[in-house]
N, C-alpha and C. Protein backbone atom coordinates (compact mmCIF):
# COMPACT_ATOMS: atom_id res chain seq x y z
N MET A 1 0.84 -1.18 0.00
CA MET A 1 0.00 0.00 0.00
C MET A 1 0.89 1.24 0.00
N PRO A 2 0.58 2.22 -0.84
CA PRO A 2 1.38 3.45 -0.87
C PRO A 2 1.40 4.15 0.49
N ASP A 3 2.54 4.76 0.79
CA ASP A 3 2.72 5.41 2.07
C ASP A 3 3.54 6.69 1.88
N PRO A 4 2.92 7.87 2.10
CA PRO A 4 3.65 9.12 1.90
C PRO A 4 4.86 9.27 2.83
N GLN A 5 4.87 8.52 3.94
CA GLN A 5 5.97 8.59 4.89
C GLN A 5 7.11 7.64 4.54
N LEU A 6 6.92 6.80 3.53
CA LEU A 6 7.92 5.79 3.16
C LEU A 6 9.25 6.42 2.78
N CYS A 7 9.16 7.51 2.01
CA CYS A 7 10.38 8.13 1.50
C CYS A 7 10.04 9.53 1.01
N SER A 8 11.07 10.24 0.61
CA SER A 8 10.86 11.58 0.06
C SER A 8 10.81 11.52 -1.46
N GLU A 9 10.34 12.60 -2.06
CA GLU A 9 10.36 12.70 -3.52
C GLU A 9 11.79 12.64 -4.02
N ALA A 10 12.72 13.21 -3.28
CA ALA A 10 14.13 13.18 -3.69
C ALA A 10 14.64 11.74 -3.74
N GLU A 11 14.20 10.90 -2.81
CA GLU A 11 14.62 9.50 -2.82
C GLU A 11 14.04 8.76 -4.03
N ILE A 12 12.80 9.08 -4.40
CA ILE A 12 12.20 8.49 -5.60
C ILE A 12 13.00 8.91 -6.83
N GLU A 13 13.28 10.21 -6.92
CA GLU A 13 14.06 10.72 -8.05
C GLU A 13 15.42 10.04 -8.14
N GLU A 14 16.05 9.83 -7.01
CA GLU A 14 17.36 9.17 -6.98
C GLU A 14 17.26 7.73 -7.47
N LEU A 15 16.27 7.00 -7.01
CA LEU A 15 16.07 5.62 -7.46
C LEU A 15 15.86 5.57 -8.97
N VAL A 16 14.96 6.39 -9.47
CA VAL A 16 14.67 6.39 -10.91
C VAL A 16 15.91 6.79 -11.70
N SER A 17 16.60 7.81 -11.26
CA SER A 17 17.79 8.27 -11.97
C SER A 17 18.87 7.19 -12.00
N ARG A 18 19.16 6.60 -10.84
CA ARG A 18 20.19 5.55 -10.78
C ARG A 18 19.81 4.36 -11.66
N PHE A 19 18.56 3.95 -11.56
CA PHE A 19 18.14 2.76 -12.31
C PHE A 19 18.20 3.00 -13.81
N TYR A 20 17.64 4.11 -14.26
CA TYR A 20 17.59 4.31 -15.71
C TYR A 20 18.94 4.75 -16.28
N THR A 21 19.84 5.24 -15.46
CA THR A 21 21.22 5.43 -15.91
C THR A 21 21.82 4.06 -16.22
N ARG A 22 21.54 3.09 -15.37
CA ARG A 22 22.03 1.73 -15.61
C ARG A 22 21.35 1.11 -16.83
N VAL A 23 20.04 1.29 -16.97
CA VAL A 23 19.32 0.75 -18.13
C VAL A 23 19.90 1.31 -19.42
N ARG A 24 20.15 2.59 -19.43
CA ARG A 24 20.64 3.24 -20.66
C ARG A 24 22.03 2.79 -21.05
N SER A 25 22.78 2.21 -20.12
CA SER A 25 24.12 1.72 -20.46
C SER A 25 24.18 0.19 -20.50
N ASP A 26 23.08 -0.45 -20.21
CA ASP A 26 23.03 -1.91 -20.19
C ASP A 26 22.98 -2.45 -21.63
N GLU A 27 23.87 -3.37 -21.96
CA GLU A 27 23.93 -3.85 -23.35
C GLU A 27 22.70 -4.62 -23.78
N THR A 28 21.97 -5.18 -22.84
CA THR A 28 20.75 -5.91 -23.18
C THR A 28 19.54 -4.99 -23.30
N LEU A 29 19.37 -4.09 -22.33
CA LEU A 29 18.17 -3.26 -22.28
C LEU A 29 18.28 -1.94 -23.04
N SER A 30 19.46 -1.38 -23.12
CA SER A 30 19.57 -0.06 -23.76
C SER A 30 19.09 -0.03 -25.20
N PRO A 31 19.35 -1.04 -26.02
CA PRO A 31 18.83 -0.96 -27.40
C PRO A 31 17.30 -0.91 -27.45
N ILE A 32 16.64 -1.60 -26.55
CA ILE A 32 15.18 -1.62 -26.53
C ILE A 32 14.65 -0.26 -26.08
N PHE A 33 15.15 0.23 -24.97
CA PHE A 33 14.67 1.50 -24.45
C PHE A 33 15.03 2.65 -25.39
N ASN A 34 16.25 2.67 -25.88
CA ASN A 34 16.67 3.78 -26.73
C ASN A 34 15.92 3.80 -28.07
N ALA A 35 15.43 2.65 -28.50
CA ALA A 35 14.66 2.61 -29.74
C ALA A 35 13.25 3.17 -29.56
N HIS A 36 12.77 3.23 -28.33
CA HIS A 36 11.39 3.64 -28.09
C HIS A 36 11.23 4.91 -27.27
N VAL A 37 12.28 5.35 -26.61
CA VAL A 37 12.22 6.58 -25.82
C VAL A 37 12.88 7.69 -26.63
N GLU A 38 12.08 8.64 -27.03
CA GLU A 38 12.60 9.74 -27.85
C GLU A 38 13.17 10.87 -26.99
N ASP A 39 12.55 11.13 -25.85
CA ASP A 39 12.97 12.22 -24.98
C ASP A 39 13.18 11.65 -23.58
N TRP A 40 14.44 11.37 -23.25
CA TRP A 40 14.72 10.74 -21.96
C TRP A 40 14.34 11.64 -20.78
N ASN A 41 14.53 12.93 -20.92
CA ASN A 41 14.18 13.83 -19.81
C ASN A 41 12.68 13.73 -19.50
N ALA A 42 11.86 13.79 -20.52
CA ALA A 42 10.41 13.68 -20.31
C ALA A 42 10.04 12.29 -19.79
N HIS A 43 10.71 11.26 -20.28
CA HIS A 43 10.42 9.90 -19.84
C HIS A 43 10.78 9.73 -18.35
N LEU A 44 11.88 10.30 -17.93
CA LEU A 44 12.27 10.21 -16.52
C LEU A 44 11.29 10.94 -15.62
N VAL A 45 10.74 12.05 -16.09
CA VAL A 45 9.72 12.76 -15.31
C VAL A 45 8.49 11.86 -15.15
N LYS A 46 8.09 11.20 -16.24
CA LYS A 46 6.93 10.30 -16.20
C LYS A 46 7.20 9.10 -15.28
N LEU A 47 8.39 8.52 -15.37
CA LEU A 47 8.73 7.38 -14.52
C LEU A 47 8.80 7.77 -13.05
N THR A 48 9.32 8.95 -12.78
CA THR A 48 9.36 9.42 -11.39
C THR A 48 7.95 9.62 -10.86
N ALA A 49 7.07 10.16 -11.68
CA ALA A 49 5.67 10.32 -11.26
C ALA A 49 5.03 8.96 -11.01
N PHE A 50 5.34 7.98 -11.87
CA PHE A 50 4.79 6.63 -11.68
C PHE A 50 5.22 6.05 -10.33
N TRP A 51 6.53 6.08 -10.06
CA TRP A 51 7.02 5.49 -8.81
C TRP A 51 6.57 6.29 -7.59
N SER A 52 6.44 7.60 -7.73
CA SER A 52 5.92 8.42 -6.64
C SER A 52 4.48 8.03 -6.33
N SER A 53 3.69 7.84 -7.36
CA SER A 53 2.30 7.41 -7.18
C SER A 53 2.22 6.03 -6.55
N ALA A 54 3.04 5.12 -7.06
CA ALA A 54 2.99 3.73 -6.60
C ALA A 54 3.52 3.56 -5.18
N LEU A 55 4.56 4.29 -4.84
CA LEU A 55 5.19 4.11 -3.53
C LEU A 55 4.68 5.08 -2.47
N ARG A 56 4.38 6.30 -2.87
CA ARG A 56 3.97 7.32 -1.90
C ARG A 56 2.50 7.68 -1.99
N GLY A 57 1.82 7.20 -3.04
CA GLY A 57 0.39 7.49 -3.19
C GLY A 57 0.10 8.91 -3.62
N THR A 58 1.01 9.53 -4.36
CA THR A 58 0.84 10.94 -4.72
C THR A 58 -0.15 11.16 -5.85
N ARG A 59 -0.49 10.14 -6.59
CA ARG A 59 -1.42 10.24 -7.73
C ARG A 59 -0.91 11.18 -8.82
N ARG A 60 0.40 11.33 -8.91
CA ARG A 60 0.97 12.21 -9.93
C ARG A 60 0.99 11.55 -11.30
N TYR A 61 1.01 10.25 -11.34
CA TYR A 61 1.11 9.55 -12.63
C TYR A 61 -0.25 9.46 -13.31
N ARG A 62 -0.27 9.81 -14.55
CA ARG A 62 -1.46 9.68 -15.38
C ARG A 62 -1.04 8.93 -16.64
N GLY A 63 -1.37 7.69 -16.71
CA GLY A 63 -0.97 6.93 -17.89
C GLY A 63 -1.44 5.49 -17.79
N THR A 64 -1.20 4.76 -18.86
CA THR A 64 -1.55 3.35 -18.92
C THR A 64 -0.36 2.57 -19.47
N PRO A 65 0.50 2.08 -18.59
CA PRO A 65 1.72 1.41 -19.06
C PRO A 65 1.48 0.07 -19.78
N MET A 66 0.40 -0.61 -19.46
CA MET A 66 0.20 -1.94 -20.05
C MET A 66 0.13 -1.90 -21.58
N PRO A 67 -0.75 -1.10 -22.18
CA PRO A 67 -0.82 -1.11 -23.64
C PRO A 67 0.48 -0.66 -24.31
N VAL A 68 1.18 0.26 -23.68
CA VAL A 68 2.45 0.73 -24.24
C VAL A 68 3.45 -0.41 -24.29
N HIS A 69 3.57 -1.15 -23.20
CA HIS A 69 4.51 -2.27 -23.17
C HIS A 69 4.05 -3.42 -24.05
N ALA A 70 2.76 -3.68 -24.09
CA ALA A 70 2.23 -4.78 -24.91
C ALA A 70 2.48 -4.54 -26.40
N ALA A 71 2.60 -3.28 -26.79
CA ALA A 71 2.81 -2.96 -28.20
C ALA A 71 4.27 -3.13 -28.65
N LEU A 72 5.17 -3.28 -27.71
CA LEU A 72 6.59 -3.40 -28.07
C LEU A 72 6.86 -4.76 -28.71
N PRO A 73 7.61 -4.79 -29.79
CA PRO A 73 7.90 -6.07 -30.46
C PRO A 73 9.05 -6.83 -29.79
N GLY A 74 8.98 -8.14 -29.83
CA GLY A 74 10.11 -8.99 -29.51
C GLY A 74 10.54 -9.10 -28.07
N LEU A 75 9.66 -8.83 -27.12
CA LEU A 75 10.05 -8.98 -25.72
C LEU A 75 9.88 -10.44 -25.31
N ASN A 76 10.63 -10.82 -24.26
CA ASN A 76 10.54 -12.19 -23.74
C ASN A 76 10.76 -12.17 -22.24
N ALA A 77 10.52 -13.30 -21.61
CA ALA A 77 10.62 -13.40 -20.15
C ALA A 77 12.02 -13.03 -19.66
N GLU A 78 13.04 -13.41 -20.41
CA GLU A 78 14.41 -13.11 -19.99
C GLU A 78 14.66 -11.61 -19.90
N LEU A 79 14.07 -10.84 -20.80
CA LEU A 79 14.24 -9.39 -20.75
C LEU A 79 13.56 -8.80 -19.51
N PHE A 80 12.37 -9.29 -19.20
CA PHE A 80 11.69 -8.82 -17.99
C PHE A 80 12.48 -9.22 -16.75
N GLN A 81 13.03 -10.42 -16.73
CA GLN A 81 13.84 -10.89 -15.60
C GLN A 81 15.11 -10.05 -15.46
N HIS A 82 15.71 -9.72 -16.59
CA HIS A 82 16.93 -8.90 -16.58
C HIS A 82 16.61 -7.51 -16.02
N TRP A 83 15.50 -6.90 -16.49
CA TRP A 83 15.07 -5.61 -15.97
C TRP A 83 14.91 -5.68 -14.46
N LEU A 84 14.26 -6.73 -13.99
CA LEU A 84 14.00 -6.88 -12.56
C LEU A 84 15.30 -7.06 -11.78
N ARG A 85 16.24 -7.86 -12.29
CA ARG A 85 17.53 -8.02 -11.60
C ARG A 85 18.26 -6.68 -11.49
N LEU A 86 18.27 -5.93 -12.59
CA LEU A 86 18.93 -4.63 -12.59
C LEU A 86 18.26 -3.68 -11.60
N PHE A 87 16.93 -3.71 -11.55
CA PHE A 87 16.20 -2.87 -10.60
C PHE A 87 16.56 -3.26 -9.17
N ASN A 88 16.55 -4.56 -8.88
CA ASN A 88 16.86 -5.02 -7.52
C ASN A 88 18.28 -4.65 -7.11
N GLU A 89 19.22 -4.77 -8.04
CA GLU A 89 20.61 -4.38 -7.74
C GLU A 89 20.69 -2.89 -7.44
N THR A 90 19.97 -2.09 -8.21
CA THR A 90 19.97 -0.65 -8.00
C THR A 90 19.35 -0.30 -6.65
N ALA A 91 18.20 -0.88 -6.37
CA ALA A 91 17.50 -0.61 -5.11
C ALA A 91 18.33 -1.05 -3.90
N ALA A 92 19.11 -2.10 -4.06
CA ALA A 92 19.94 -2.60 -2.95
C ALA A 92 20.94 -1.55 -2.46
N GLY A 93 21.27 -0.60 -3.31
CA GLY A 93 22.21 0.45 -2.93
C GLY A 93 21.58 1.64 -2.25
N LEU A 94 20.27 1.62 -2.05
CA LEU A 94 19.59 2.74 -1.40
C LEU A 94 19.75 2.66 0.11
N PRO A 95 19.97 3.79 0.78
CA PRO A 95 20.13 3.74 2.23
C PRO A 95 18.82 3.51 3.00
N ASN A 96 17.68 3.85 2.40
CA ASN A 96 16.38 3.72 3.06
C ASN A 96 15.88 2.27 2.92
N GLN A 97 16.00 1.50 3.99
CA GLN A 97 15.63 0.08 3.94
C GLN A 97 14.17 -0.14 3.60
N ALA A 98 13.29 0.64 4.16
CA ALA A 98 11.86 0.48 3.88
C ALA A 98 11.57 0.73 2.40
N LEU A 99 12.20 1.75 1.84
CA LEU A 99 12.04 2.03 0.42
C LEU A 99 12.59 0.88 -0.42
N ARG A 100 13.77 0.39 -0.08
CA ARG A 100 14.35 -0.76 -0.80
C ARG A 100 13.39 -1.93 -0.84
N GLU A 101 12.86 -2.28 0.31
CA GLU A 101 11.98 -3.45 0.41
C GLU A 101 10.68 -3.23 -0.37
N ARG A 102 10.06 -2.08 -0.21
CA ARG A 102 8.79 -1.81 -0.88
C ARG A 102 8.99 -1.69 -2.39
N ALA A 103 10.05 -1.02 -2.81
CA ALA A 103 10.29 -0.82 -4.24
C ALA A 103 10.60 -2.15 -4.93
N THR A 104 11.40 -3.01 -4.31
CA THR A 104 11.72 -4.28 -4.96
C THR A 104 10.49 -5.19 -5.01
N ALA A 105 9.68 -5.19 -3.98
CA ALA A 105 8.46 -6.00 -4.00
C ALA A 105 7.51 -5.49 -5.08
N LEU A 106 7.39 -4.18 -5.18
CA LEU A 106 6.51 -3.61 -6.19
C LEU A 106 7.05 -3.86 -7.60
N ALA A 107 8.35 -3.73 -7.78
CA ALA A 107 8.96 -3.99 -9.10
C ALA A 107 8.71 -5.42 -9.54
N GLN A 108 8.75 -6.35 -8.61
CA GLN A 108 8.47 -7.75 -8.95
C GLN A 108 7.04 -7.90 -9.45
N ARG A 109 6.09 -7.27 -8.75
CA ARG A 109 4.69 -7.35 -9.18
C ARG A 109 4.48 -6.66 -10.52
N ILE A 110 5.15 -5.54 -10.73
CA ILE A 110 5.03 -4.81 -11.99
C ILE A 110 5.59 -5.64 -13.14
N ALA A 111 6.78 -6.19 -12.97
CA ALA A 111 7.39 -7.00 -14.03
C ALA A 111 6.50 -8.19 -14.36
N GLN A 112 5.97 -8.85 -13.33
CA GLN A 112 5.11 -10.01 -13.56
C GLN A 112 3.83 -9.60 -14.29
N SER A 113 3.23 -8.51 -13.85
CA SER A 113 1.99 -8.04 -14.47
C SER A 113 2.22 -7.64 -15.93
N LEU A 114 3.29 -6.90 -16.19
CA LEU A 114 3.57 -6.50 -17.57
C LEU A 114 3.87 -7.70 -18.45
N TRP A 115 4.56 -8.69 -17.90
CA TRP A 115 4.86 -9.89 -18.68
C TRP A 115 3.58 -10.66 -19.01
N TYR A 116 2.70 -10.83 -18.03
CA TYR A 116 1.42 -11.48 -18.31
C TYR A 116 0.61 -10.69 -19.32
N GLY A 117 0.55 -9.38 -19.14
CA GLY A 117 -0.18 -8.53 -20.08
C GLY A 117 0.40 -8.61 -21.48
N TYR A 118 1.71 -8.65 -21.56
CA TYR A 118 2.37 -8.76 -22.86
C TYR A 118 1.97 -10.07 -23.55
N GLN A 119 2.01 -11.14 -22.78
CA GLN A 119 1.64 -12.45 -23.34
C GLN A 119 0.16 -12.48 -23.76
N MET A 120 -0.70 -11.92 -22.92
CA MET A 120 -2.14 -11.91 -23.24
C MET A 120 -2.41 -11.13 -24.53
N ALA A 121 -1.68 -10.05 -24.73
CA ALA A 121 -1.87 -9.25 -25.94
C ALA A 121 -1.34 -9.96 -27.18
N ARG A 122 -0.37 -10.82 -27.00
CA ARG A 122 0.29 -11.47 -28.13
C ARG A 122 -0.34 -12.82 -28.47
N ASP A 123 -0.45 -13.68 -27.45
CA ASP A 123 -0.98 -15.02 -27.68
C ASP A 123 -1.48 -15.60 -26.36
N PRO A 124 -2.71 -15.31 -25.99
CA PRO A 124 -3.23 -15.72 -24.69
C PRO A 124 -3.28 -17.24 -24.48
N ASP A 125 -3.22 -18.01 -25.56
CA ASP A 125 -3.25 -19.46 -25.40
C ASP A 125 -1.89 -20.04 -25.01
N LEU A 126 -0.86 -19.22 -25.08
CA LEU A 126 0.49 -19.71 -24.78
C LEU A 126 1.10 -19.05 -23.54
N ILE A 127 0.29 -18.71 -22.57
CA ILE A 127 0.78 -18.07 -21.35
C ILE A 127 1.76 -19.03 -20.66
N SER A 128 2.94 -18.50 -20.37
CA SER A 128 3.96 -19.31 -19.69
C SER A 128 3.87 -19.12 -18.18
N LYS A 129 4.79 -19.75 -17.48
CA LYS A 129 4.77 -19.65 -16.03
C LYS A 129 5.24 -18.29 -15.56
N ALA A 130 5.17 -18.12 -14.28
CA ALA A 130 5.56 -16.85 -13.66
C ALA A 130 7.02 -16.54 -13.93
N LEU A 131 7.35 -15.26 -13.93
CA LEU A 131 8.73 -14.83 -14.07
C LEU A 131 9.54 -15.27 -12.85
N ILE A 132 8.96 -15.13 -11.70
CA ILE A 132 9.63 -15.40 -10.44
C ILE A 132 8.96 -16.64 -9.83
N HIS A 133 9.76 -17.60 -9.49
CA HIS A 133 9.22 -18.79 -8.84
C HIS A 133 9.37 -18.62 -7.34
N GLU A 134 8.25 -18.61 -6.68
CA GLU A 134 8.27 -18.37 -5.22
C GLU A 134 8.36 -19.67 -4.45
């Protein structure tokens, strides 16, 4: 559940900045993101609003990420898993333990949801297993 006391907006901005700096230099993910993100500054503002809404309950984000991700060509479970590993590694470096724990748990749910949504949009009869085996 979102909690305005979990962290500050500056901490959200730091998480998003650190993570997407890594994404933009990652040899696996950067070609995908760079092919679809035309204005990184605007995209980072949108991503910060998303995480602020999700973690702090600010309701700053206005958008629908599922159809945007479902429209991307050639994604697979390994890419979603790689994104999640990179996110978890980035979050592990944050000093705020509560933020680390909440952000990584939420990222897992987001990655799983986007992967299921991606599969449903592409071929609902071939839904594979979960990204993360619990």
